[in-house]
Amino acid sequence: MSTTSPGTQRVTAFAEWIDANPDDVADKVFRACVSAVPSFATNGREIELAFRAVCSSFLPFVSEAVTTGEIPQGTALPVAADDLARRLPAAGIKLVDLVLSYDVAGNELLDAFSRELRGNPSRPAGSDRADMLSVVAGRLFRFRQAALARAMTVYHQEQQLLQHSGVPDLLATVREVLSGELGDAEAERRLDYRLNNRHVAFVVWGPKATETTLREVAARLRFQMRAQRDLVVLSDEHALHGWFNVPENAPGVDLLRARLSVPAGIRIGLGTPRHGSSGFRITHREALETQSLADRAMPQSIRLDTSAGAGHIVSICDVVALAFASRDVELARHFVRSQLGSLVEPRHAVLRETLRVWFEELGSPTRAARRLNVHVNTLIKRLNRASDIVARPVNAGDFAFRLAFELCGITHASDTDEPVADSL
């Protein structure tokens, strides 16, 4: 990818800054990384020195990429970075640490350069400085993503070689655990994962996703959930299954949706936190059920009240009603139609979205209107219109109506997948 003038001239100061202070810049990056990812400094002196060498070796690559804007496909790593990525699995350093080190390094480079601009009167100021930082940030991000993709590929190759050299087949072992054929002690020894702990199972998938992208998302998910250990298996070329050992104070789904950015086309299905080997199996079943229903019953659409990425993280709680209804879809369909009537039709998409938000806000018109970015009177008119359609008052505490509303996504998916806006 090429980004040419006028940006090229505006970013020469970045290369000049790196070329004039390579040791200082590398030290800043190194200190920031080991502060955020201590494993690079706590797994022996050799790993620490190798990581310090990586921080230096990347600078010429970064300087050229930011100056020219050329980020070729299949970006090669510096020799030192390639070598370190191959050594990490044997050193016991997790993939999430590798991912975070690239994130921290990129952020520190941008922050340090920004500080340099502010403290140097000869550098551009005002809007020129903002323009320069914008160009640098964009090119630095693209380079970081390309380099990280290559580093993750190297890491996976080495990890697979390590597993095949002395560890029984991972997927086969997991299947034995799920079927109850393998005792906890032996399973923990083989998997390097604690079963006598608190688990959350997950599935990360996407119809066109690469293994590298799936694993990167899983690594970021692990970081956000503050997991102590993880167990990840590649189910097929477009899906990862896994588990995290998570603390009691691990963030819930709402916080994950706010904090975790998920690439377009990727979805995450989550089970609920559960303890022990039986919990290991149950939360996995929940995650699988979430995946099986999410694409069919909860299409990825941009809701009026959320960011585009928020709907990419789905928990079993989001689909639990659908999970039970899917056992007898015909009966559920009749129930939905009896409760909602023509409200299931495409022309009432706006009303359904209004009801969804209103339900989530426990029947508060003020909070629901704020989330939908409409006047409260508009929201009340929509609720009245919905009441007219179903021929009875709409009540947030009406269990049958609420259940029918939740089931609508699976029982009438073909009726609602091409919405037409209401007049309100």
Protein backbone atom coordinates (compact mmCIF):
# COMPACT_ATOMS: atom_id res chain seq x y z
CA MET A 1 0.00 0.00 0.00
CA SER A 2 1.36 3.40 -0.90
CA THR A 3 0.53 6.78 0.54
CA THR A 4 2.36 9.52 -1.32
CA SER A 5 2.73 13.30 -1.08
CA PRO A 6 1.80 15.59 0.51
CA GLY A 7 2.10 13.19 3.47
CA THR A 8 5.63 12.08 2.61
CA GLN A 9 7.23 15.44 3.30
CA ARG A 10 5.27 15.85 6.50
CA VAL A 11 6.68 12.66 8.05
CA THR A 12 10.38 13.10 7.33
CA ALA A 13 10.74 14.50 10.86
CA PHE A 14 9.77 11.08 12.22
CA ALA A 15 12.61 9.35 10.39
CA GLU A 16 15.03 12.13 11.36
CA TRP A 17 14.04 11.71 15.01
CA ILE A 18 14.65 7.94 14.92
CA ASP A 19 17.92 8.22 12.96
CA ALA A 20 19.30 10.84 15.34
CA ASN A 21 18.40 8.95 18.55
CA PRO A 22 18.18 5.22 17.78
CA ASP A 23 19.44 3.99 21.15
CA ASP A 24 17.24 6.38 23.11
CA VAL A 25 14.14 5.52 21.06
CA ALA A 26 14.82 1.78 21.38
CA ASP A 27 15.25 2.16 25.16
CA LYS A 28 11.92 3.97 25.42
CA VAL A 29 10.15 1.22 23.49
CA PHE A 30 11.88 -1.53 25.48
CA ARG A 31 11.00 -0.01 28.86
CA ALA A 32 7.38 0.57 27.86
CA CYS A 33 7.02 -3.00 26.61
CA VAL A 34 8.55 -4.80 29.59
CA SER A 35 6.50 -2.62 31.92
CA ALA A 36 3.29 -3.69 30.18
CA VAL A 37 4.44 -7.25 29.34
CA PRO A 38 6.83 -8.40 32.12
CA SER A 39 7.30 -11.89 30.66
CA PHE A 40 9.93 -10.53 28.25
CA ALA A 41 12.08 -9.60 31.26
CA THR A 42 11.24 -12.50 33.60
CA ASN A 43 12.03 -15.52 31.40
CA GLY A 44 15.78 -15.39 31.55
CA ARG A 45 18.47 -12.94 30.58
CA GLU A 46 18.74 -14.33 27.05
CA ILE A 47 15.10 -13.53 26.23
CA GLU A 48 15.42 -10.07 27.76
CA LEU A 49 18.53 -9.23 25.71
CA ALA A 50 16.97 -10.71 22.58
CA PHE A 51 13.89 -8.57 23.06
CA ARG A 52 16.03 -5.46 23.55
CA ALA A 53 17.79 -6.28 20.27
CA VAL A 54 14.37 -6.59 18.56
CA CYS A 55 13.43 -3.09 19.72
CA SER A 56 16.53 -1.72 17.96
CA SER A 57 16.28 -3.89 14.87
CA PHE A 58 12.76 -2.71 14.05
CA LEU A 59 13.59 1.02 13.94
CA PRO A 60 15.00 1.16 10.36
CA PHE A 61 11.98 -0.82 9.14
CA VAL A 62 9.57 1.48 10.94
CA SER A 63 11.38 4.59 9.70
CA GLU A 64 11.17 3.48 6.06
CA ALA A 65 7.55 2.35 6.29
CA VAL A 66 6.38 5.60 7.85
CA THR A 67 8.43 7.77 5.47
CA THR A 68 7.35 6.05 2.26
CA GLY A 69 3.94 4.75 3.23
CA GLU A 70 4.85 1.47 1.54
CA ILE A 71 3.46 -1.45 3.56
CA PRO A 72 3.91 -4.51 1.31
CA GLN A 73 1.86 -7.66 1.77
CA GLY A 74 3.80 -10.31 3.68
CA THR A 75 6.01 -7.77 5.43
CA ALA A 76 9.24 -9.46 6.52
CA LEU A 77 10.49 -9.17 10.08
CA PRO A 78 14.00 -8.12 11.05
CA VAL A 79 16.16 -11.19 11.66
CA ALA A 80 16.22 -10.55 15.41
CA ALA A 81 12.42 -10.31 15.57
CA ASP A 82 11.92 -13.45 13.51
CA ASP A 83 14.37 -15.34 15.74
CA LEU A 84 12.69 -14.17 18.94
CA ALA A 85 9.20 -15.09 17.71
CA ARG A 86 10.48 -18.64 17.13
CA ARG A 87 11.90 -18.85 20.66
CA LEU A 88 8.83 -17.61 22.53
CA PRO A 89 6.72 -20.83 22.61
CA ALA A 90 9.57 -22.86 24.12
CA ALA A 91 10.16 -20.07 26.65
CA GLY A 92 6.54 -20.33 27.77
CA ILE A 93 5.65 -16.81 26.60
CA LYS A 94 2.05 -16.67 25.47
CA LEU A 95 0.75 -15.35 22.18
CA VAL A 96 -1.16 -12.61 23.98
CA ASP A 97 2.17 -11.22 25.24
CA LEU A 98 3.53 -11.09 21.69
CA VAL A 99 0.41 -9.25 20.49
CA LEU A 100 0.51 -6.76 23.34
CA SER A 101 4.22 -6.03 22.82
CA TYR A 102 3.50 -4.88 19.26
CA ASP A 103 0.60 -2.73 20.47
CA VAL A 104 2.64 -1.14 23.24
CA ALA A 105 5.67 -0.56 20.99
CA GLY A 106 3.56 1.24 18.37
CA ASN A 107 1.83 3.38 20.96
CA GLU A 108 5.13 4.30 22.64
CA LEU A 109 6.73 5.31 19.33
CA LEU A 110 3.83 7.62 18.56
CA ASP A 111 3.70 9.06 22.08
CA ALA A 112 7.46 9.63 22.23
CA PHE A 113 7.47 11.34 18.84
CA SER A 114 4.57 13.52 19.92
CA ARG A 115 6.52 14.56 23.02
CA GLU A 116 9.51 15.36 20.81
CA LEU A 117 7.37 17.64 18.63
CA ARG A 118 5.97 19.48 21.63
CA GLY A 119 9.40 20.02 23.18
CA ASN A 120 11.26 21.14 20.04
CA PRO A 121 10.50 24.70 18.86
CA SER A 122 12.01 23.97 15.44
CA ARG A 123 9.38 21.31 14.74
CA PRO A 124 5.97 22.07 13.17
CA ALA A 125 3.23 23.33 15.47
CA GLY A 126 -0.54 23.65 15.46
CA SER A 127 -2.40 22.15 12.54
CA ASP A 128 0.86 21.13 10.80
CA ARG A 129 1.84 19.09 13.82
CA ALA A 130 -1.61 17.49 13.97
CA ASP A 131 -1.42 16.62 10.26
CA MET A 132 2.02 15.09 10.71
CA LEU A 133 0.94 12.97 13.68
CA SER A 134 -2.15 11.81 11.80
CA VAL A 135 -0.08 10.57 8.85
CA VAL A 136 2.51 8.94 11.13
CA ALA A 137 -0.19 7.23 13.21
CA GLY A 138 -1.92 5.79 10.14
CA ARG A 139 1.25 4.43 8.56
CA LEU A 140 2.60 3.16 11.86
CA PHE A 141 -0.62 1.28 12.52
CA ARG A 142 -0.58 -0.40 9.11
CA PHE A 143 3.05 -1.41 9.50
CA ARG A 144 2.43 -2.75 13.00
CA GLN A 145 -0.49 -4.88 11.81
CA ALA A 146 1.53 -6.31 8.90
CA ALA A 147 4.56 -7.06 11.07
CA LEU A 148 2.42 -8.58 13.82
CA ALA A 149 0.68 -10.87 11.33
CA ARG A 150 4.07 -12.19 10.24
CA ALA A 151 5.29 -12.59 13.84
CA MET A 152 2.15 -14.52 14.77
CA THR A 153 2.61 -16.84 11.80
CA VAL A 154 6.17 -17.59 12.90
CA TYR A 155 5.02 -18.13 16.48
CA HIS A 156 2.30 -20.59 15.40
CA GLN A 157 4.69 -22.54 13.18
CA GLU A 158 7.11 -22.99 16.05
CA GLN A 159 4.33 -23.77 18.51
CA GLN A 160 3.02 -26.54 16.27
CA LEU A 161 6.50 -28.01 15.89
CA LEU A 162 6.91 -27.95 19.66
CA GLN A 163 3.57 -29.66 20.20
CA HIS A 164 4.24 -32.36 17.66
CA SER A 165 7.69 -33.06 19.10
CA GLY A 166 6.50 -34.24 22.51
CA VAL A 167 2.91 -33.30 23.33
CA PRO A 168 -0.06 -35.55 22.46
CA ASP A 169 -2.47 -34.21 19.86
CA LEU A 170 -4.15 -31.18 21.42
CA LEU A 171 -7.54 -31.54 19.76
CA ALA A 172 -7.72 -35.26 20.60
CA THR A 173 -6.88 -34.53 24.24
CA VAL A 174 -9.54 -31.83 24.46
CA ARG A 175 -12.12 -34.25 23.04
CA GLU A 176 -11.19 -36.79 25.71
CA VAL A 177 -11.71 -34.17 28.41
CA LEU A 178 -15.08 -33.13 26.97
CA SER A 179 -16.25 -36.74 26.81
CA GLY A 180 -15.09 -37.44 30.39
CA GLU A 181 -12.64 -40.12 29.27
CA LEU A 182 -9.57 -38.38 30.71
CA GLY A 183 -8.94 -37.64 34.37
CA ASP A 184 -8.33 -34.07 35.52
CA ALA A 185 -4.72 -34.57 36.60
CA GLU A 186 -3.64 -36.15 33.32
CA ALA A 187 -5.61 -33.59 31.31
CA GLU A 188 -3.94 -30.70 33.13
CA ARG A 189 -0.51 -32.25 32.52
CA ARG A 190 -1.12 -32.67 28.81
CA LEU A 191 -2.86 -29.36 28.20
CA ASP A 192 -0.94 -27.10 30.60
CA TYR A 193 -4.32 -25.78 31.64
CA ARG A 194 -6.00 -25.88 35.06
CA LEU A 195 -9.36 -27.64 35.15
CA ASN A 196 -9.94 -27.05 38.86
CA ASN A 197 -10.54 -23.37 38.24
CA ARG A 198 -13.08 -20.87 36.91
CA HIS A 199 -13.58 -21.10 33.14
CA VAL A 200 -15.16 -19.12 30.34
CA ALA A 201 -15.38 -20.86 26.98
CA PHE A 202 -15.36 -18.93 23.73
CA VAL A 203 -15.61 -19.36 19.98
CA VAL A 204 -14.03 -16.83 17.63
CA TRP A 205 -15.15 -17.23 14.04
CA GLY A 206 -15.62 -15.56 10.69
CA PRO A 207 -16.48 -16.99 7.26
CA LYS A 208 -13.44 -15.40 5.62
CA ALA A 209 -11.16 -15.07 8.65
CA THR A 210 -7.58 -16.30 8.65
CA GLU A 211 -6.13 -18.28 11.51
CA THR A 212 -3.79 -15.40 12.29
CA THR A 213 -6.69 -12.95 12.65
CA LEU A 214 -8.69 -15.37 14.79
CA ARG A 215 -5.78 -15.95 17.13
CA GLU A 216 -5.06 -12.24 17.40
CA VAL A 217 -8.68 -11.59 18.43
CA ALA A 218 -8.48 -14.45 20.96
CA ALA A 219 -5.27 -12.98 22.39
CA ARG A 220 -6.86 -9.56 22.82
CA LEU A 221 -9.93 -11.16 24.37
CA ARG A 222 -7.72 -12.97 26.88
CA PHE A 223 -6.06 -9.70 27.86
CA GLN A 224 -9.38 -7.91 28.34
CA MET A 225 -10.74 -10.76 30.48
CA ARG A 226 -7.57 -10.77 32.62
CA ALA A 227 -7.22 -14.52 32.10
CA GLN A 228 -4.36 -16.33 33.85
CA ARG A 229 -4.26 -19.22 31.37
CA ASP A 230 -5.79 -20.09 28.05
CA LEU A 231 -6.46 -23.19 25.98
CA VAL A 232 -7.10 -22.63 22.27
CA VAL A 233 -7.78 -25.16 19.52
CA LEU A 234 -8.42 -24.58 15.83
CA SER A 235 -11.80 -26.17 15.11
CA ASP A 236 -11.63 -25.53 11.38
CA GLU A 237 -9.92 -22.97 9.17
CA HIS A 238 -12.41 -20.26 10.09
CA ALA A 239 -13.11 -20.92 13.80
CA LEU A 240 -11.20 -21.11 17.07
CA HIS A 241 -12.56 -22.79 20.19
CA GLY A 242 -11.05 -22.14 23.57
CA TRP A 243 -11.23 -21.57 27.30
CA PHE A 244 -9.83 -19.02 29.72
CA ASN A 245 -9.06 -19.40 33.42
CA VAL A 246 -10.60 -16.13 34.62
CA PRO A 247 -10.70 -14.38 38.01
CA GLU A 248 -13.90 -13.61 39.86
CA ASN A 249 -13.61 -9.94 38.88
CA ALA A 250 -13.23 -10.59 35.16
CA PRO A 251 -15.21 -8.02 33.12
CA GLY A 252 -18.65 -8.97 31.89
CA VAL A 253 -19.99 -8.92 28.35
CA ASP A 254 -21.06 -5.26 28.44
CA LEU A 255 -17.56 -4.12 29.39
CA LEU A 256 -16.01 -6.37 26.74
CA ARG A 257 -18.26 -4.81 24.11
CA ALA A 258 -17.12 -1.36 25.19
CA ARG A 259 -13.41 -2.18 25.37
CA LEU A 260 -12.68 -4.78 22.69
CA SER A 261 -12.56 -3.80 19.06
CA VAL A 262 -13.43 -6.75 16.82
CA PRO A 263 -12.51 -6.72 13.10
CA ALA A 264 -15.37 -6.65 10.63
CA GLY A 265 -16.61 -10.14 9.80
CA ILE A 266 -15.38 -11.67 13.07
CA ARG A 267 -17.69 -12.71 15.91
CA ILE A 268 -17.09 -13.93 19.44
CA GLY A 269 -19.44 -16.33 21.20
CA LEU A 270 -19.11 -16.65 24.99
CA GLY A 271 -20.32 -19.14 27.57
CA THR A 272 -20.89 -18.18 31.19
CA PRO A 273 -18.17 -18.49 33.86
CA ARG A 274 -18.23 -21.96 35.46
CA HIS A 275 -16.00 -23.95 37.84
CA GLY A 276 -14.23 -27.28 37.58
CA SER A 277 -14.11 -29.95 34.91
CA SER A 278 -17.91 -30.11 34.64
CA GLY A 279 -17.97 -26.32 34.21
CA PHE A 280 -15.31 -26.71 31.52
CA ARG A 281 -17.73 -28.83 29.53
CA ILE A 282 -20.88 -26.81 30.21
CA THR A 283 -19.43 -23.41 29.32
CA HIS A 284 -18.09 -24.96 26.09
CA ARG A 285 -21.57 -26.22 25.18
CA GLU A 286 -22.90 -22.72 25.84
CA ALA A 287 -20.29 -21.12 23.59
CA LEU A 288 -21.06 -23.59 20.78
CA GLU A 289 -24.79 -22.94 21.12
CA THR A 290 -24.14 -19.21 21.00
CA GLN A 291 -22.16 -19.59 17.78
CA SER A 292 -24.76 -21.83 16.13
CA LEU A 293 -27.57 -19.34 16.75
CA ALA A 294 -25.79 -16.00 16.49
CA ASP A 295 -25.40 -15.75 12.72
CA ARG A 296 -28.87 -17.12 12.02
CA ALA A 297 -30.84 -15.29 14.69
CA MET A 298 -28.70 -12.23 15.42
CA PRO A 299 -27.35 -10.91 12.10
CA GLN A 300 -24.50 -8.44 12.35
CA SER A 301 -26.24 -5.13 11.90
CA ILE A 302 -25.38 -1.72 13.26
CA ARG A 303 -27.84 -0.99 16.02
CA LEU A 304 -28.98 2.54 16.55
CA ASP A 305 -27.51 2.69 20.06
CA THR A 306 -24.17 0.91 19.66
CA SER A 307 -20.92 0.97 17.79
CA ALA A 308 -20.54 -1.27 14.75
CA GLY A 309 -18.38 -3.70 16.70
CA ALA A 310 -20.65 -4.13 19.72
CA GLY A 311 -22.89 -6.75 18.08
CA HIS A 312 -19.87 -8.91 17.26
CA ILE A 313 -19.64 -10.16 20.88
CA VAL A 314 -22.52 -12.46 21.78
CA SER A 315 -23.04 -14.37 25.02
CA ILE A 316 -25.23 -17.35 25.79
CA CYS A 317 -27.48 -14.96 27.71
CA ASP A 318 -28.24 -13.16 24.44
CA VAL A 319 -29.49 -16.34 22.79
CA VAL A 320 -30.68 -18.54 25.62
CA ALA A 321 -34.37 -18.12 24.71
CA LEU A 322 -33.53 -18.88 21.10
CA ALA A 323 -31.59 -21.97 22.14
CA PHE A 324 -34.67 -23.51 23.73
CA ALA A 325 -37.03 -22.32 21.00
CA SER A 326 -34.85 -23.84 18.29
CA ARG A 327 -35.87 -27.31 19.56
CA ASP A 328 -39.41 -26.71 18.22
CA VAL A 329 -39.29 -23.77 15.84
CA GLU A 330 -42.81 -24.31 14.48
CA LEU A 331 -44.41 -24.13 17.92
CA ALA A 332 -42.29 -21.09 18.82
CA ARG A 333 -43.29 -19.41 15.56
CA HIS A 334 -46.99 -19.76 16.33
CA PHE A 335 -46.40 -18.39 19.83
CA VAL A 336 -44.52 -15.37 18.47
CA ARG A 337 -47.20 -14.57 15.92
CA SER A 338 -49.93 -14.83 18.55
CA GLN A 339 -48.10 -12.34 20.78
CA LEU A 340 -46.65 -9.90 18.25
CA GLY A 341 -48.96 -10.12 15.25
CA SER A 342 -47.77 -8.04 12.31
CA LEU A 343 -45.05 -6.43 14.46
CA VAL A 344 -42.69 -9.13 13.11
CA GLU A 345 -42.96 -7.77 9.57
CA PRO A 346 -40.11 -5.85 7.88
CA ARG A 347 -42.02 -2.57 7.79
CA HIS A 348 -41.94 -2.41 11.61
CA ALA A 349 -38.15 -2.72 12.01
CA VAL A 350 -37.85 0.66 13.73
CA LEU A 351 -40.57 -0.25 16.22
CA ARG A 352 -38.85 -3.52 17.06
CA GLU A 353 -35.54 -1.74 17.59
CA THR A 354 -37.29 0.79 19.82
CA LEU A 355 -38.84 -1.99 21.87
CA ARG A 356 -35.50 -3.79 22.19
CA VAL A 357 -33.80 -0.74 23.67
CA TRP A 358 -36.82 0.05 25.84
CA PHE A 359 -36.76 -3.48 27.27
CA GLU A 360 -33.02 -3.23 27.98
CA GLU A 361 -33.64 0.05 29.82
CA LEU A 362 -36.29 -1.66 32.00
CA GLY A 363 -39.15 0.32 30.51
CA SER A 364 -37.64 3.79 31.00
CA PRO A 365 -38.70 6.06 28.09
CA THR A 366 -36.11 8.69 29.06
CA ARG A 367 -33.12 6.33 29.01
CA ALA A 368 -34.35 4.53 25.91
CA ALA A 369 -34.86 7.81 24.04
CA ARG A 370 -31.37 8.93 24.99
CA ARG A 371 -29.82 5.71 23.64
CA LEU A 372 -31.83 5.93 20.42
CA ASN A 373 -31.02 9.62 20.05
CA VAL A 374 -34.67 10.60 19.66
CA HIS A 375 -37.02 12.87 21.65
CA VAL A 376 -38.89 11.08 24.43
CA ASN A 377 -42.21 12.04 22.81
CA THR A 378 -41.11 10.27 19.62
CA LEU A 379 -40.30 7.16 21.62
CA ILE A 380 -43.69 7.21 23.35
CA LYS A 381 -45.43 7.55 19.98
CA ARG A 382 -43.56 4.47 18.79
CA LEU A 383 -44.61 2.51 21.88
CA ASN A 384 -48.22 3.55 21.34
CA ARG A 385 -47.97 2.48 17.72
CA ALA A 386 -46.65 -0.94 18.84
CA SER A 387 -49.55 -1.21 21.30
CA ASP A 388 -52.02 -0.54 18.47
CA ILE A 389 -50.43 -3.29 16.35
CA VAL A 390 -50.58 -5.95 19.07
CA ALA A 391 -53.99 -4.71 20.26
CA ARG A 392 -53.05 -4.38 23.93
CA PRO A 393 -50.87 -2.16 26.12
CA VAL A 394 -47.15 -2.79 25.80
CA ASN A 395 -45.71 -3.55 29.24
CA ALA A 396 -41.98 -4.03 29.93
CA GLY A 397 -42.93 -6.55 32.62
CA ASP A 398 -45.11 -8.68 30.31
CA PHE A 399 -43.13 -11.94 30.29
CA ALA A 400 -44.98 -13.57 27.38
CA PHE A 401 -44.61 -10.50 25.18
CA ARG A 402 -40.91 -10.12 26.06
CA LEU A 403 -40.22 -13.81 25.40
CA ALA A 404 -42.00 -13.64 22.06
CA PHE A 405 -39.98 -10.58 21.18
CA GLU A 406 -36.71 -12.41 21.96
CA LEU A 407 -37.82 -15.45 19.95
CA CYS A 408 -38.77 -13.34 16.94
CA GLY A 409 -35.18 -13.33 15.68
CA ILE A 410 -35.11 -17.08 15.09
CA THR A 411 -38.74 -17.84 14.30
CA HIS A 412 -39.25 -15.01 11.80
CA ALA A 413 -35.69 -14.37 10.58
CA SER A 414 -36.78 -14.43 6.94
CA ASP A 415 -39.49 -11.87 7.72
CA THR A 416 -37.11 -9.40 9.30
CA ASP A 417 -33.81 -9.67 7.45
CA GLU A 418 -34.63 -6.85 5.00
CA PRO A 419 -36.17 -4.17 7.22
CA VAL A 420 -38.22 -1.31 5.85
CA ALA A 421 -38.34 1.83 7.99
CA ASP A 422 -41.55 2.74 9.81
CA SER A 423 -43.02 6.18 9.36
CA LEU A 424 -42.23 7.13 12.96
